[in-house]
PDB file of N, CA and C in Angstrom:
ATOM      1  N   MET A   1      88.031 122.483  95.441  1.00  0.00           N
ATOM      2  CA  MET A   1      87.206 121.910  96.489  1.00  0.00           C
ATOM      3  C   MET A   1      87.922 122.068  97.823  1.00  0.00           C
ATOM      4  N   ASN A   2      87.183 122.471  98.816  1.00  0.00           N
ATOM      5  CA  ASN A   2      87.714 122.613 100.167  1.00  0.00           C
ATOM      6  C   ASN A   2      87.187 121.505 101.064  1.00  0.00           C
ATOM      7  N   LEU A   3      87.916 121.263 102.134  1.00  0.00           N
ATOM      8  CA  LEU A   3      87.408 120.369 103.166  1.00  0.00           C
ATOM      9  C   LEU A   3      86.329 121.107 103.942  1.00  0.00           C
ATOM     10  N   GLU A   4      85.377 120.356 104.458  1.00  0.00           N
ATOM     11  CA  GLU A   4      84.292 120.921 105.259  1.00  0.00           C
ATOM     12  C   GLU A   4      84.189 120.146 106.570  1.00  0.00           C
ATOM     13  N   MET A   5      83.754 120.824 107.614  1.00  0.00           N
ATOM     14  CA  MET A   5      83.644 120.188 108.929  1.00  0.00           C
ATOM     15  C   MET A   5      82.762 118.943 108.890  1.00  0.00           C
ATOM     16  N   ASP A   6      81.694 118.987 108.101  1.00  0.00           N
ATOM     17  CA  ASP A   6      80.711 117.908 108.119  1.00  0.00           C
ATOM     18  C   ASP A   6      80.776 116.992 106.897  1.00  0.00           C
ATOM     19  N   MET A   7      81.897 117.000 106.167  1.00  0.00           N
ATOM     20  CA  MET A   7      81.970 116.148 104.986  1.00  0.00           C
ATOM     21  C   MET A   7      82.130 114.682 105.379  1.00  0.00           C
ATOM     22  N   ASN A   8      81.849 113.796 104.434  1.00  0.00           N
ATOM     23  CA  ASN A   8      81.951 112.365 104.698  1.00  0.00           C
ATOM     24  C   ASN A   8      83.147 111.766 103.942  1.00  0.00           C
ATOM     25  N   ALA A   9      83.298 110.461 104.057  1.00  0.00           N
ATOM     26  CA  ALA A   9      84.440 109.773 103.441  1.00  0.00           C
ATOM     27  C   ALA A   9      84.471 109.948 101.924  1.00  0.00           C
ATOM     28  N   VAL A  10      83.336 109.866 101.267  1.00  0.00           N
ATOM     29  CA  VAL A  10      83.281 109.998  99.812  1.00  0.00           C
ATOM     30  C   VAL A  10      83.703 111.411  99.397  1.00  0.00           C
ATOM     31  N   GLU A  11      83.218 112.396 100.101  1.00  0.00           N
ATOM     32  CA  GLU A  11      83.569 113.786  99.780  1.00  0.00           C
ATOM     33  C   GLU A  11      85.052 114.052 100.039  1.00  0.00           C
ATOM     34  N   MET A  12      85.589 113.492 101.117  1.00  0.00           N
ATOM     35  CA  MET A  12      87.009 113.685 101.404  1.00  0.00           C
ATOM     36  C   MET A  12      87.865 112.978 100.357  1.00  0.00           C
ATOM     37  N   LYS A  13      87.417 111.826  99.888  1.00  0.00           N
ATOM     38  CA  LYS A  13      88.140 111.117  98.839  1.00  0.00           C
ATOM     39  C   LYS A  13      88.178 111.968  97.565  1.00  0.00           C
ATOM     40  N   THR A  14      87.076 112.589  97.217  1.00  0.00           N
ATOM     41  CA  THR A  14      87.028 113.466  96.050  1.00  0.00           C
ATOM     42  C   THR A  14      88.025 114.606  96.213  1.00  0.00           C
ATOM     43  N   TRP A  15      88.101 115.169  97.421  1.00  0.00           N
ATOM     44  CA  TRP A  15      89.080 116.226  97.710  1.00  0.00           C
ATOM     45  C   TRP A  15      90.505 115.683  97.536  1.00  0.00           C
ATOM     46  N   ALA A  16      90.794 114.531  98.132  1.00  0.00           N
ATOM     47  CA  ALA A  16      92.146 113.954  98.092  1.00  0.00           C
ATOM     48  C   ALA A  16      92.597 113.680  96.657  1.00  0.00           C
ATOM     49  N   GLU A  17      91.672 113.284  95.801  1.00  0.00           N
ATOM     50  CA  GLU A  17      92.008 112.973  94.413  1.00  0.00           C
ATOM     51  C   GLU A  17      92.536 114.187  93.649  1.00  0.00           C
ATOM     52  N   THR A  18      92.269 115.384  94.147  1.00  0.00           N
ATOM     53  CA  THR A  18      92.715 116.601  93.462  1.00  0.00           C
ATOM     54  C   THR A  18      94.092 117.074  93.947  1.00  0.00           C
ATOM     55  N   LYS A  19      94.687 116.378  94.894  1.00  0.00           N
ATOM     56  CA  LYS A  19      95.933 116.824  95.521  1.00  0.00           C
ATOM     57  C   LYS A  19      97.150 116.119  94.934  1.00  0.00           C
ATOM     58  N   LYS A  20      98.335 116.647  95.257  1.00  0.00           N
ATOM     59  CA  LYS A  20      99.595 116.071  94.779  1.00  0.00           C
ATOM     60  C   LYS A  20      99.819 114.685  95.377  1.00  0.00           C
ATOM     61  N   ASN A  21     100.633 113.894  94.706  1.00  0.00           N
ATOM     62  CA  ASN A  21     100.965 112.559  95.228  1.00  0.00           C
ATOM     63  C   ASN A  21     101.716 112.633  96.543  1.00  0.00           C
ATOM     64  N   ASN A  22     102.651 113.561  96.651  1.00  0.00           N
ATOM     65  CA  ASN A  22     103.486 113.685  97.838  1.00  0.00           C
ATOM     66  C   ASN A  22     103.732 115.147  98.163  1.00  0.00           C
ATOM     67  N   TYR A  23     104.005 115.393  99.424  1.00  0.00           N
ATOM     68  CA  TYR A  23     104.414 116.706  99.919  1.00  0.00           C
ATOM     69  C   TYR A  23     105.668 116.482 100.764  1.00  0.00           C
ATOM     70  N   PRO A  24     106.501 117.503 100.920  1.00  0.00           N
ATOM     71  CA  PRO A  24     107.828 117.304 101.529  1.00  0.00           C
ATOM     72  C   PRO A  24     107.843 116.696 102.929  1.00  0.00           C
ATOM     73  N   ARG A  25     107.080 117.229 103.844  1.00  0.00           N
ATOM     74  CA  ARG A  25     107.147 116.750 105.235  1.00  0.00           C
ATOM     75  C   ARG A  25     106.632 115.320 105.366  1.00  0.00           C
ATOM     76  N   SER A  26     105.517 115.046 104.721  1.00  0.00           N
ATOM     77  CA  SER A  26     104.955 113.689 104.824  1.00  0.00           C
ATOM     78  C   SER A  26     105.854 112.678 104.119  1.00  0.00           C
ATOM     79  N   ALA A  27     106.417 113.059 102.985  1.00  0.00           N
ATOM     80  CA  ALA A  27     107.315 112.151 102.262  1.00  0.00           C
ATOM     81  C   ALA A  27     108.562 111.856 103.089  1.00  0.00           C
ATOM     82  N   TYR A  28     109.107 112.866 103.739  1.00  0.00           N
ATOM     83  CA  TYR A  28     110.285 112.672 104.588  1.00  0.00           C
ATOM     84  C   TYR A  28     109.957 111.714 105.734  1.00  0.00           C
ATOM     85  N   TYR A  29     108.835 111.945 106.406  1.00  0.00           N
ATOM     86  CA  TYR A  29     108.462 111.098 107.540  1.00  0.00           C
ATOM     87  C   TYR A  29     108.278 109.650 107.079  1.00  0.00           C
ATOM     88  N   ASP A  30     107.575 109.487 105.988  1.00  0.00           N
ATOM     89  CA  ASP A  30     107.304 108.155 105.447  1.00  0.00           C
ATOM     90  C   ASP A  30     108.597 107.429 105.073  1.00  0.00           C
ATOM     91  N   LYS A  31     109.528 108.139 104.492  1.00  0.00           N
ATOM     92  CA  LYS A  31     110.773 107.527 104.022  1.00  0.00           C
ATOM     93  C   LYS A  31     111.789 107.309 105.142  1.00  0.00           C
ATOM     94  N   ASN A  32     111.885 108.248 106.073  1.00  0.00           N
ATOM     95  CA  ASN A  32     112.985 108.234 107.036  1.00  0.00           C
ATOM     96  C   ASN A  32     112.631 107.880 108.476  1.00  0.00           C
ATOM     97  N   ILE A  33     111.385 108.016 108.859  1.00  0.00           N
ATOM     98  CA  ILE A  33     111.030 107.783 110.265  1.00  0.00           C
ATOM     99  C   ILE A  33     110.214 106.495 110.425  1.00  0.00           C
ATOM    100  N   TRP A  34     109.045 106.459 109.807  1.00  0.00           N
ATOM    101  CA  TRP A  34     108.186 105.278 109.947  1.00  0.00           C
ATOM    102  C   TRP A  34     107.210 105.217 108.788  1.00  0.00           C
ATOM    103  N   ARG A  35     107.122 104.040 108.197  1.00  0.00           N
ATOM    104  CA  ARG A  35     106.159 103.781 107.128  1.00  0.00           C
ATOM    105  C   ARG A  35     105.212 102.695 107.615  1.00  0.00           C
ATOM    106  N   SER A  36     103.948 102.926 107.458  1.00  0.00           N
ATOM    107  CA  SER A  36     102.950 101.953 107.875  1.00  0.00           C
ATOM    108  C   SER A  36     103.173 100.621 107.161  1.00  0.00           C
ATOM    109  N   PRO A  37     103.267  99.526 107.910  1.00  0.00           N
ATOM    110  CA  PRO A  37     103.451  98.230 107.266  1.00  0.00           C
ATOM    111  C   PRO A  37     102.232  97.794 106.455  1.00  0.00           C
ATOM    112  N   ASN A  38     101.098  98.422 106.720  1.00  0.00           N
ATOM    113  CA  ASN A  38      99.858  98.085 106.005  1.00  0.00           C
ATOM    114  C   ASN A  38      99.522  99.103 104.929  1.00  0.00           C
ATOM    115  N   GLN A  39     100.453  99.985 104.623  1.00  0.00           N
ATOM    116  CA  GLN A  39     100.174 101.058 103.668  1.00  0.00           C
ATOM    117  C   GLN A  39      99.886 100.502 102.289  1.00  0.00           C
ATOM    118  N   SER A  40      98.802 100.979 101.726  1.00  0.00           N
ATOM    119  CA  SER A  40      98.487 100.620 100.349  1.00  0.00           C
ATOM    120  C   SER A  40      98.877 101.786  99.460  1.00  0.00           C
ATOM    121  N   GLY A  41      99.371 101.475  98.299  1.00  0.00           N
ATOM    122  CA  GLY A  41      99.799 102.518  97.378  1.00  0.00           C
ATOM    123  C   GLY A  41     101.247 102.897  97.596  1.00  0.00           C
ATOM    124  N   SER A  42     101.820 103.528  96.580  1.00  0.00           N
ATOM    125  CA  SER A  42     103.225 103.916  96.661  1.00  0.00           C
ATOM    126  C   SER A  42     103.401 105.376  97.056  1.00  0.00           C
ATOM    127  N   THR A  43     102.305 106.131  97.129  1.00  0.00           N
ATOM    128  CA  THR A  43     102.361 107.528  97.550  1.00  0.00           C
ATOM    129  C   THR A  43     101.377 107.746  98.692  1.00  0.00           C
ATOM    130  N   GLU A  44     101.557 108.849  99.407  1.00  0.00           N
ATOM    131  CA  GLU A  44     100.610 109.164 100.482  1.00  0.00           C
ATOM    132  C   GLU A  44      99.217 109.459  99.914  1.00  0.00           C
ATOM    133  N   LYS A  45      99.158 110.025  98.717  1.00  0.00           N
ATOM    134  CA  LYS A  45      97.855 110.256  98.087  1.00  0.00           C
ATOM    135  C   LYS A  45      97.138 108.924  97.868  1.00  0.00           C
ATOM    136  N   GLU A  46      97.840 107.948  97.302  1.00  0.00           N
ATOM    137  CA  GLU A  46      97.240 106.623  97.086  1.00  0.00           C
ATOM    138  C   GLU A  46      96.849 105.989  98.415  1.00  0.00           C
ATOM    139  N   HIS A  47      97.691 106.163  99.422  1.00  0.00           N
ATOM    140  CA  HIS A  47      97.404 105.638 100.757  1.00  0.00           C
ATOM    141  C   HIS A  47      96.124 106.268 101.306  1.00  0.00           C
ATOM    142  N   CYS A  48      96.011 107.591 101.164  1.00  0.00           N
ATOM    143  CA  CYS A  48      94.838 108.298 101.658  1.00  0.00           C
ATOM    144  C   CYS A  48      93.568 107.826 100.946  1.00  0.00           C
ATOM    145  N   ILE A  49      93.632 107.747  99.637  1.00  0.00           N
ATOM    146  CA  ILE A  49      92.454 107.342  98.866  1.00  0.00           C
ATOM    147  C   ILE A  49      92.045 105.914  99.229  1.00  0.00           C
ATOM    148  N   ALA A  50      93.006 105.012  99.341  1.00  0.00           N
ATOM    149  CA  ALA A  50      92.685 103.628  99.716  1.00  0.00           C
ATOM    150  C   ALA A  50      92.069 103.577 101.112  1.00  0.00           C
ATOM    151  N   TRP A  51      92.612 104.360 102.021  1.00  0.00           N
ATOM    152  CA  TRP A  51      92.083 104.397 103.396  1.00  0.00           C
ATOM    153  C   TRP A  51      90.642 104.907 103.382  1.00  0.00           C
ATOM    154  N   LEU A  52      90.383 105.958 102.617  1.00  0.00           N
ATOM    155  CA  LEU A  52      89.031 106.511 102.555  1.00  0.00           C
ATOM    156  C   LEU A  52      88.064 105.547 101.876  1.00  0.00           C
ATOM    157  N   GLU A  53      88.526 104.819 100.873  1.00  0.00           N
ATOM    158  CA  GLU A  53      87.668 103.830 100.204  1.00  0.00           C
ATOM    159  C   GLU A  53      87.289 102.687 101.136  1.00  0.00           C
ATOM    160  N   ALA A  54      88.112 102.427 102.130  1.00  0.00           N
ATOM    161  CA  ALA A  54      87.839 101.345 103.081  1.00  0.00           C
ATOM    162  C   ALA A  54      86.840 101.755 104.166  1.00  0.00           C
ATOM    163  N   GLN A  55      86.493 103.026 104.215  1.00  0.00           N
ATOM    164  CA  GLN A  55      85.563 103.529 105.227  1.00  0.00           C
ATOM    165  C   GLN A  55      84.130 103.443 104.708  1.00  0.00           C
ATOM    166  N   GLU A  56      83.184 103.478 105.628  1.00  0.00           N
ATOM    167  CA  GLU A  56      81.785 103.580 105.231  1.00  0.00           C
ATOM    168  C   GLU A  56      81.591 104.934 104.554  1.00  0.00           C
ATOM    169  N   ASP A  57      80.832 104.953 103.452  1.00  0.00           N
ATOM    170  CA  ASP A  57      80.673 106.168 102.658  1.00  0.00           C
ATOM    171  C   ASP A  57      80.215 107.381 103.468  1.00  0.00           C
ATOM    172  N   ASN A  58      79.297 107.158 104.388  1.00  0.00           N
ATOM    173  CA  ASN A  58      78.736 108.297 105.118  1.00  0.00           C
ATOM    174  C   ASN A  58      79.462 108.584 106.436  1.00  0.00           C
ATOM    175  N   ARG A  59      80.547 107.883 106.683  1.00  0.00           N
ATOM    176  CA  ARG A  59      81.318 108.126 107.913  1.00  0.00           C
ATOM    177  C   ARG A  59      81.905 109.536 107.859  1.00  0.00           C
ATOM    178  N   PRO A  60      81.762 110.302 108.927  1.00  0.00           N
ATOM    179  CA  PRO A  60      82.288 111.666 108.918  1.00  0.00           C
ATOM    180  C   PRO A  60      83.810 111.693 108.758  1.00  0.00           C
ATOM    181  N   ALA A  61      84.274 112.585 107.889  1.00  0.00           N
ATOM    182  CA  ALA A  61      85.709 112.725 107.647  1.00  0.00           C
ATOM    183  C   ALA A  61      86.452 113.084 108.936  1.00  0.00           C
ATOM    184  N   LYS A  62      85.825 113.862 109.787  1.00  0.00           N
ATOM    185  CA  LYS A  62      86.448 114.229 111.064  1.00  0.00           C
ATOM    186  C   LYS A  62      86.745 112.974 111.891  1.00  0.00           C
ATOM    187  N   ASP A  63      85.818 112.048 111.937  1.00  0.00           N
ATOM    188  CA  ASP A  63      86.040 110.797 112.671  1.00  0.00           C
ATOM    189  C   ASP A  63      87.161 109.984 112.043  1.00  0.00           C
ATOM    190  N   ILE A  64      87.190 109.950 110.724  1.00  0.00           N
ATOM    191  CA  ILE A  64      88.242 109.219 110.014  1.00  0.00           C
ATOM    192  C   ILE A  64      89.601 109.815 110.347  1.00  0.00           C
ATOM    193  N   TYR A  65      89.702 111.132 110.260  1.00  0.00           N
ATOM    194  CA  TYR A  65      90.961 111.819 110.575  1.00  0.00           C
ATOM    195  C   TYR A  65      91.377 111.536 112.019  1.00  0.00           C
ATOM    196  N   ASN A  66      90.438 111.658 112.928  1.00  0.00           N
ATOM    197  CA  ASN A  66      90.771 111.473 114.346  1.00  0.00           C
ATOM    198  C   ASN A  66      91.170 110.040 114.683  1.00  0.00           C
ATOM    199  N   ARG A  67      90.823 109.095 113.839  1.00  0.00           N
ATOM    200  CA  ARG A  67      91.191 107.690 114.079  1.00  0.00           C
ATOM    201  C   ARG A  67      92.447 107.257 113.325  1.00  0.00           C
ATOM    202  N   LEU A  68      93.007 108.149 112.517  1.00  0.00           N
ATOM    203  CA  LEU A  68      94.228 107.801 111.783  1.00  0.00           C
ATOM    204  C   LEU A  68      95.349 107.414 112.737  1.00  0.00           C
ATOM    205  N   GLN A  69      96.133 106.428 112.336  1.00  0.00           N
ATOM    206  CA  GLN A  69      97.274 105.974 113.137  1.00  0.00           C
ATOM    207  C   GLN A  69      98.554 105.979 112.308  1.00  0.00           C
ATOM    208  N   CYS A  70      98.662 106.927 111.397  1.00  0.00           N
ATOM    209  CA  CYS A  70      99.822 107.045 110.521  1.00  0.00           C
ATOM    210  C   CYS A  70     100.222 108.513 110.427  1.00  0.00           C
ATOM    211  N   VAL A  71     101.381 108.837 110.985  1.00  0.00           N
ATOM    212  CA  VAL A  71     101.839 110.229 110.996  1.00  0.00           C
ATOM    213  C   VAL A  71     101.963 110.780 109.574  1.00  0.00           C
ATOM    214  N   ALA A  72     102.570 110.028 108.675  1.00  0.00           N
ATOM    215  CA  ALA A  72     102.779 110.531 107.317  1.00  0.00           C
ATOM    216  C   ALA A  72     101.453 110.905 106.656  1.00  0.00           C
ATOM    217  N   LEU A  73     100.412 110.153 106.927  1.00  0.00           N
ATOM    218  CA  LEU A  73      99.112 110.461 106.336  1.00  0.00           C
ATOM    219  C   LEU A  73      98.509 111.716 106.964  1.00  0.00           C
ATOM    220  N   VAL A  74      98.650 111.872 108.267  1.00  0.00           N
ATOM    221  CA  VAL A  74      98.201 113.108 108.925  1.00  0.00           C
ATOM    222  C   VAL A  74      98.945 114.303 108.329  1.00  0.00           C
ATOM    223  N   LEU A  75     100.256 114.174 108.166  1.00  0.00           N
ATOM    224  CA  LEU A  75     101.051 115.265 107.600  1.00  0.00           C
ATOM    225  C   LEU A  75     100.649 115.543 106.153  1.00  0.00           C
ATOM    226  N   TRP A  76     100.406 114.478 105.368  1.00  0.00           N
ATOM    227  CA  TRP A  76     100.005 114.658 103.970  1.00  0.00           C
ATOM    228  C   TRP A  76      98.685 115.425 103.886  1.00  0.00           C
ATOM    229  N   ILE A  77      97.725 115.042 104.691  1.00  0.00           N
ATOM    230  CA  ILE A  77      96.426 115.732 104.693  1.00  0.00           C
ATOM    231  C   ILE A  77      96.620 117.199 105.059  1.00  0.00           C
ATOM    232  N   ALA A  78      97.436 117.462 106.075  1.00  0.00           N
ATOM    233  CA  ALA A  78      97.680 118.842 106.496  1.00  0.00           C
ATOM    234  C   ALA A  78      98.364 119.644 105.384  1.00  0.00           C
ATOM    235  N   GLU A  79      99.390 119.059 104.784  1.00  0.00           N
ATOM    236  CA  GLU A  79     100.087 119.755 103.703  1.00  0.00           C
ATOM    237  C   GLU A  79      99.159 119.988 102.513  1.00  0.00           C
ATOM    238  N   ALA A  80      98.387 118.991 102.153  1.00  0.00           N
ATOM    239  CA  ALA A  80      97.464 119.115 101.018  1.00  0.00           C
ATOM    240  C   ALA A  80      96.399 120.175 101.286  1.00  0.00           C
ATOM    241  N   ALA A  81      96.028 120.327 102.545  1.00  0.00           N
ATOM    242  CA  ALA A  81      95.003 121.313 102.907  1.00  0.00           C
ATOM    243  C   ALA A  81      95.557 122.730 102.973  1.00  0.00           C
ATOM    244  N   GLY A  82      96.879 122.840 103.066  1.00  0.00           N
ATOM    245  CA  GLY A  82      97.482 124.166 103.122  1.00  0.00           C
ATOM    246  C   GLY A  82      97.845 124.641 104.517  1.00  0.00           C
ATOM    247  N   VAL A  83      97.918 123.711 105.479  1.00  0.00           N
ATOM    248  CA  VAL A  83      98.391 124.095 106.813  1.00  0.00           C
ATOM    249  C   VAL A  83      99.818 124.611 106.650  1.00  0.00           C
ATOM    250  N   ASP A  84     100.154 125.679 107.348  1.00  0.00           N
ATOM    251  CA  ASP A  84     101.461 126.305 107.155  1.00  0.00           C
ATOM    252  C   ASP A  84     102.597 125.352 107.524  1.00  0.00           C
ATOM    253  N   ASP A  85     103.719 125.523 106.824  1.00  0.00           N
ATOM    254  CA  ASP A  85     104.856 124.622 106.956  1.00  0.00           C
ATOM    255  C   ASP A  85     105.423 124.587 108.377  1.00  0.00           C
ATOM    256  N   GLU A  86     105.404 125.711 109.045  1.00  0.00           N
ATOM    257  CA  GLU A  86     105.922 125.752 110.424  1.00  0.00           C
ATOM    258  C   GLU A  86     105.113 124.828 111.338  1.00  0.00           C
ATOM    259  N   THR A  87     103.810 124.849 111.194  1.00  0.00           N
ATOM    260  CA  THR A  87     102.946 123.995 112.014  1.00  0.00           C
ATOM    261  C   THR A  87     103.128 122.532 111.638  1.00  0.00           C
ATOM    262  N   VAL A  88     103.174 122.241 110.342  1.00  0.00           N
ATOM    263  CA  VAL A  88     103.377 120.859 109.895  1.00  0.00           C
ATOM    264  C   VAL A  88     104.747 120.364 110.379  1.00  0.00           C
ATOM    265  N   GLY A  89     105.757 121.227 110.310  1.00  0.00           N
ATOM    266  CA  GLY A  89     107.084 120.866 110.800  1.00  0.00           C
ATOM    267  C   GLY A  89     107.085 120.579 112.293  1.00  0.00           C
ATOM    268  N   ALA A  90     106.366 121.391 113.053  1.00  0.00           N
ATOM    269  CA  ALA A  90     106.278 121.171 114.500  1.00  0.00           C
ATOM    270  C   ALA A  90     105.598 119.834 114.804  1.00  0.00           C
ATOM    271  N   ALA A  91     104.561 119.516 114.054  1.00  0.00           N
ATOM    272  CA  ALA A  91     103.859 118.242 114.254  1.00  0.00           C
ATOM    273  C   ALA A  91     104.764 117.072 113.888  1.00  0.00           C
ATOM    274  N   SER A  92     105.491 117.206 112.791  1.00  0.00           N
ATOM    275  CA  SER A  92     106.419 116.156 112.371  1.00  0.00           C
ATOM    276  C   SER A  92     107.516 115.951 113.414  1.00  0.00           C
ATOM    277  N   ASP A  93     108.071 117.055 113.898  1.00  0.00           N
ATOM    278  CA  ASP A  93     109.135 116.964 114.908  1.00  0.00           C
ATOM    279  C   ASP A  93     108.625 116.325 116.197  1.00  0.00           C
ATOM    280  N   ALA A  94     107.427 116.713 116.636  1.00  0.00           N
ATOM    281  CA  ALA A  94     106.849 116.136 117.853  1.00  0.00           C
ATOM    282  C   ALA A  94     106.604 114.637 117.676  1.00  0.00           C
ATOM    283  N   ALA A  95     106.091 114.260 116.523  1.00  0.00           N
ATOM    284  CA  ALA A  95     105.829 112.848 116.249  1.00  0.00           C
ATOM    285  C   ALA A  95     107.128 112.056 116.202  1.00  0.00           C
ATOM    286  N   GLU A  96     108.142 112.612 115.551  1.00  0.00           N
ATOM    287  CA  GLU A  96     109.425 111.923 115.468  1.00  0.00           C
ATOM    288  C   GLU A  96     110.030 111.716 116.854  1.00  0.00           C
ATOM    289  N   LYS A  97     109.940 112.733 117.701  1.00  0.00           N
ATOM    290  CA  LYS A  97     110.474 112.636 119.063  1.00  0.00           C
ATOM    291  C   LYS A  97     109.773 111.518 119.839  1.00  0.00           C
ATOM    292  N   ILE A  98     108.455 111.492 119.777  1.00  0.00           N
ATOM    293  CA  ILE A  98     107.682 110.454 120.483  1.00  0.00           C
ATOM    294  C   ILE A  98     107.997 109.080 119.912  1.00  0.00           C
ATOM    295  N   TYR A  99     108.056 108.975 118.576  1.00  0.00           N
ATOM    296  CA  TYR A  99     108.339 107.674 117.969  1.00  0.00           C
ATOM    297  C   TYR A  99     109.733 107.191 118.366  1.00  0.00           C
ATOM    298  N   THR A 100     110.707 108.084 118.380  1.00  0.00           N
ATOM    299  CA  THR A 100     112.076 107.718 118.759  1.00  0.00           C
ATOM    300  C   THR A 100     112.130 107.227 120.204  1.00  0.00           C
ATOM    301  N   GLU A 101     111.373 107.884 121.076  1.00  0.00           N
ATOM    302  CA  GLU A 101     111.367 107.518 122.498  1.00  0.00           C
ATOM    303  C   GLU A 101     110.573 106.240 122.771  1.00  0.00           C
ATOM    304  N   LYS A 102     109.381 106.148 122.202  1.00  0.00           N
ATOM    305  CA  LYS A 102     108.455 105.067 122.558  1.00  0.00           C
ATOM    306  C   LYS A 102     108.321 103.965 121.520  1.00  0.00           C
ATOM    307  N   LYS A 103     108.799 104.200 120.293  1.00  0.00           N
ATOM    308  CA  LYS A 103     108.612 103.245 119.184  1.00  0.00           C
ATOM    309  C   LYS A 103     107.134 102.901 118.998  1.00  0.00           C
ATOM    310  N   SER A 104     106.282 103.904 119.207  1.00  0.00           N
ATOM    311  CA  SER A 104     104.840 103.715 119.089  1.00  0.00           C
ATOM    312  C   SER A 104     104.286 104.642 118.008  1.00  0.00           C
ATOM    313  N   ALA A 105     103.841 104.038 116.915  1.00  0.00           N
ATOM    314  CA  ALA A 105     103.238 104.829 115.840  1.00  0.00           C
ATOM    315  C   ALA A 105     101.959 105.510 116.317  1.00  0.00           C
ATOM    316  N   ASN A 106     101.197 104.828 117.171  1.00  0.00           N
ATOM    317  CA  ASN A 106      99.958 105.414 117.673  1.00  0.00           C
ATOM    318  C   ASN A 106     100.237 106.655 118.512  1.00  0.00           C
ATOM    319  N   SER A 107     101.223 106.587 119.395  1.00  0.00           N
ATOM    320  CA  SER A 107     101.577 107.746 120.225  1.00  0.00           C
ATOM    321  C   SER A 107     102.124 108.877 119.370  1.00  0.00           C
ATOM    322  N   ALA A 108     102.918 108.532 118.365  1.00  0.00           N
ATOM    323  CA  ALA A 108     103.476 109.549 117.471  1.00  0.00           C
ATOM    324  C   ALA A 108     102.365 110.243 116.695  1.00  0.00           C
ATOM    325  N   THR A 109     101.393 109.476 116.224  1.00  0.00           N
ATOM    326  CA  THR A 109     100.282 110.069 115.484  1.00  0.00           C
ATOM    327  C   THR A 109      99.453 110.968 116.390  1.00  0.00           C
ATOM    328  N   ALA A 110      99.236 110.546 117.609  1.00  0.00           N
ATOM    329  CA  ALA A 110      98.496 111.379 118.568  1.00  0.00           C
ATOM    330  C   ALA A 110      99.232 112.702 118.787  1.00  0.00           C
ATOM    331  N   ALA A 111     100.553 112.649 118.877  1.00  0.00           N
ATOM    332  CA  ALA A 111     101.339 113.871 119.057  1.00  0.00           C
ATOM    333  C   ALA A 111     101.165 114.810 117.864  1.00  0.00           C
ATOM    334  N   ALA A 112     101.159 114.258 116.663  1.00  0.00           N
ATOM    335  CA  ALA A 112     100.954 115.087 115.464  1.00  0.00           C
ATOM    336  C   ALA A 112      99.560 115.702 115.464  1.00  0.00           C
ATOM    337  N   LYS A 113      98.550 114.908 115.818  1.00  0.00           N
ATOM    338  CA  LYS A 113      97.180 115.424 115.821  1.00  0.00           C
ATOM    339  C   LYS A 113      96.914 116.374 116.985  1.00  0.00           C
ATOM    340  N   ASP A 114      97.737 116.323 118.034  1.00  0.00           N
ATOM    341  CA  ASP A 114      97.626 117.328 119.098  1.00  0.00           C
ATOM    342  C   ASP A 114      97.976 118.712 118.550  1.00  0.00           C
ATOM    343  N   ILE A 115      98.816 118.756 117.556  1.00  0.00           N
ATOM    344  CA  ILE A 115      99.227 120.031 116.950  1.00  0.00           C
ATOM    345  C   ILE A 115      98.353 120.382 115.752  1.00  0.00           C
ATOM    346  N   ILE A 116      98.005 119.380 114.960  1.00  0.00           N
ATOM    347  CA  ILE A 116      97.203 119.613 113.752  1.00  0.00           C
ATOM    348  C   ILE A 116      95.842 118.945 113.923  1.00  0.00           C
ATOM    349  N   SER A 117      94.887 119.704 114.388  1.00  0.00           N
ATOM    350  CA  SER A 117      93.524 119.181 114.590  1.00  0.00           C
ATOM    351  C   SER A 117      92.753 119.188 113.264  1.00  0.00           C
ATOM    352  N   TRP A 118      91.665 118.458 113.237  1.00  0.00           N
ATOM    353  CA  TRP A 118      90.786 118.462 112.061  1.00  0.00           C
ATOM    354  C   TRP A 118      90.293 119.883 111.785  1.00  0.00           C
ATOM    355  N   ASP A 119      89.930 120.615 112.830  1.00  0.00           N
ATOM    356  CA  ASP A 119      89.462 121.987 112.649  1.00  0.00           C
ATOM    357  C   ASP A 119      90.511 122.839 111.937  1.00  0.00           C
ATOM    358  N   MET A 120      91.783 122.660 112.316  1.00  0.00           N
ATOM    359  CA  MET A 120      92.867 123.415 111.696  1.00  0.00           C
ATOM    360  C   MET A 120      93.003 123.044 110.213  1.00  0.00           C
ATOM    361  N   VAL A 121      92.902 121.762 109.915  1.00  0.00           N
ATOM    362  CA  VAL A 121      93.012 121.298 108.527  1.00  0.00           C
ATOM    363  C   VAL A 121      91.896 121.891 107.687  1.00  0.00           C
ATOM    364  N   VAL A 122      90.675 121.849 108.195  1.00  0.00           N
ATOM    365  CA  VAL A 122      89.538 122.396 107.448  1.00  0.00           C
ATOM    366  C   VAL A 122      89.718 123.897 107.224  1.00  0.00           C
ATOM    367  N   LYS A 123      90.083 124.610 108.275  1.00  0.00           N
ATOM    368  CA  LYS A 123      90.259 126.066 108.169  1.00  0.00           C
ATOM    369  C   LYS A 123      91.341 126.399 107.131  1.00  0.00           C
ATOM    370  N   ALA A 124      92.459 125.679 107.158  1.00  0.00           N
ATOM    371  CA  ALA A 124      93.525 125.918 106.182  1.00  0.00           C
ATOM    372  C   ALA A 124      93.036 125.654 104.767  1.00  0.00           C
ATOM    373  N   SER A 125      92.272 124.598 104.604  1.00  0.00           N
ATOM    374  CA  SER A 125      91.745 124.244 103.286  1.00  0.00           C
ATOM    375  C   SER A 125      90.857 125.362 102.733  1.00  0.00           C
ATOM    376  N   GLN A 126      90.127 125.985 103.590  1.00  0.00           N
ATOM    377  CA  GLN A 126      89.187 127.029 103.161  1.00  0.00           C
ATOM    378  C   GLN A 126      89.877 128.364 102.915  1.00  0.00           C
ATOM    379  N   SER A 127      91.155 128.456 103.318  1.00  0.00           N
ATOM    380  CA  SER A 127      91.919 129.689 103.121  1.00  0.00           C
ATOM    381  C   SER A 127      92.765 129.649 101.851  1.00  0.00           C
ATOM    382  N   GLU A 128      92.844 128.483 101.198  1.00  0.00           N
ATOM    383  CA  GLU A 128      93.684 128.348 100.006  1.00  0.00           C
ATOM    384  C   GLU A 128      93.231 129.247  98.889  1.00  0.00           C
TER     385      GLU A 128
END
C-alpha cells in the first residue's frame, strides 16, 4: 500500500500498520534529542497509529501530517515511506539544531517539515 495525496486518517493508519516499529533516524531523535511527553506507545509506529486513531476518520492525511508537532514522528513517516536517508538526515539535523537553540519542539518539527513535505513523503511511498 502506498500513501496517496488525498487519503484520510483511516487509510493512513492502514498504511502505518504495515510498517516497521522503528527506523534509525526517528529512533535516534526520539531517544537522544526529544521525546514527546504525550507519546502513546513504546515505538514510533504505535505512536503514529494512536495519533491517527485520535483523528476524525475522514480528516485528510495531509492535514494530519502538516499539524504534527513531533519530529520523531515526522521522521518515522518519512523513513517508512522510503524518503532517502540523506534527506531524512538533513531534516533530523535541521530539527536538532533548532531544538538545541530554541528548546521548541514545534519549531524543530517545522524545520523538519520544511525539508520533508507531505508531497515528498507521498512521492517516495509511490516509488518503493
